[in-house]
Amino acid sequence: MSGAPVIEMRGIAKRFPGVVALDDVGFACRAGEVHALVGENGAGKSTLIKILSGVYQPDEGEVLVDGQPVHFRHPVDALAAGISVIYQEFSLLPERTVAQNIFLGRELTRGWMLDNAAMNAQTRRVLDMFAAGRRIAPDTLVSELDVASQQMVEIAKAIALDAKVLVMDEPTAALNEAECRELFETVDELRGHGTAVIYITHRMREVTRLADRVTVLKDGQVAARFETLPEPAEIVRAMVGRDIADFYAPFATPEEIAAAVLSVRGGANRLLRNIDFDLKAGEILGFAGIQGAGRVALAMALFGARPFDAGTMTLAGRDVRFTHPRDAIRAGIGLLPGDRKGEALVLMQSVRDNAMLSPRAFAGAAASHKRNGFINLDGMDTLLDRMEVKAASYDQEIRFLSGGNQQKAIVARWLALKPKVLIFIEPTRGIDVNAKAGIYHLMRDLAREGAGIIMISSDLPEVIGAADRILVMREGTIVAEHQKGAEETAIMLDATGEQEVAA
């Protein structure tokens, strides 16, 4: 791709007390280009984007728009120059309509009255530029939209402001598989409209699907620049200094896998039918399938949140029937939800308090971590140490920890209850590449200690790399089983039903 950059950053440096966040960082993006910006948490991506968007001012270096130096003293200056950032947490007002959000601060009027008809009409024209926008009505309240539609409104808002450069920060973090595909199509359309897109992600498949060029940051410096799209392994090596093959722990050996710790026969409810499978102690059992296939519904049934209406379940040789998650927890099943912040953490409480939520509620099941009838704080700190949770102190509020360390704190919570089965839903969502390796090895360590691990992930290469066996779900039932090291294509054919069509 040729042409002068729309946006360019040269020799950018930024220092905070005791920390060099950025050191001589250069970066550029052209019109109609998708430039991926990747790196581990703490690599400097967020600081760089905050300088680009006027939140921070650089200590050294310069920012150029269309070849001309600019000095942003405030995010409003960056917006006026055509630079818009879409963060993971949207900046929309939920009780206003789509059109009112898009025209926020620059409302159209007719006399003394808001001209809602004109704003709706112009909003319609912007939304119609994108396939994903055509289903959104301008007069709909934002609170009534799903996450993917809200993201589309953010994109439309940027386009309505004549954005030359659109920065997308981990845009798929809260999207399902179908919504991700829709977002990718929208990014392609942005490229076609001549918008320069800076795309920040931890997911290599998104980089390979979308990026024209890639810049890798590590420890506040540019570790690598790729003018053409490389293999994912090259990007990962530049990010963390090791090969992607080292990320996954070795598969379990036959000697490490014991008898079934969990068995389901004929499990069914409103979302599931004829569920039959065994989970063996010592193994990681992966579940694959497209969005809506029933994987999360199965996890909720096993955990007693949406119980089976029919069938039988055996846990550690004992017939069980759960009608509530507390039944599953007491029996020895733990679950790590896909939405850590929304479903598993109290962000304003400490790391230790979050780790002790389940042990406090089920103290009887955590006798080894009690002392004189009370929860043993030293015992919990020992578990947090074992999980290698990195925090200034376990009294620190957990919201300040990285996603990987938050996930480890949740695992420590369940370990206090000595679970027989642990269910991981999207275990590495929102976690950087190096931290992902830690989670994979942690799951393997737990399996080696005798637990049965269920892994549900929308990242199919992750399932293939980590799981000893893979069960494929479609339309609420299990349709196929694959052994370790299976081909991605074969699994997707089963997940979509194309295998049967071909046959």
Foldseek 3Di string as FASTA:
>chain_A
DDDDFQKKWFQFWADDVVATQAGGAIDTWFWLFEEEEEAAVSLNPVVVVCCLQQVDPTPDTFMDGPRHTDGRNHSVVNLLSQEEEAEQDGPADQQFFLLCRLCPPPFPADVPHTPVVVSQVVLCVLLVLAPLSNVGRRRDGNNPDDPLNVVSSSVSSSVSSVHQEYEYAQVCLPPFPVSVVSVLRVLNSSSVVGHTYYYYHQDLVSCVSGHQWYWYGGSNYTQDTGNGDDPSQVNVCSRPVDGPLLLADDADDPVLWDAFQKWWAQFDDPQAGGATDTFTQLFEEEEEFGPSLCPVVVVCCLQQNRHTPDTWMHGRNHTDGHNHNVRNLLSFEAEDDSPCVPPQADQQFFLLCSLQPQCVVPVVLQVVQDDPRHGNSVVLVVQLVVLVQDDPDSRDGPNPGAPLSSLSSNVSSSVSNVGQEYEYEQSQRRRHDNSSSSVLVVVNVNSSVTHGYYYYHNPVVVCLRRGQKYFYGGRRYTQDIDGRNDDPVVNVCRNVVVVVVVD
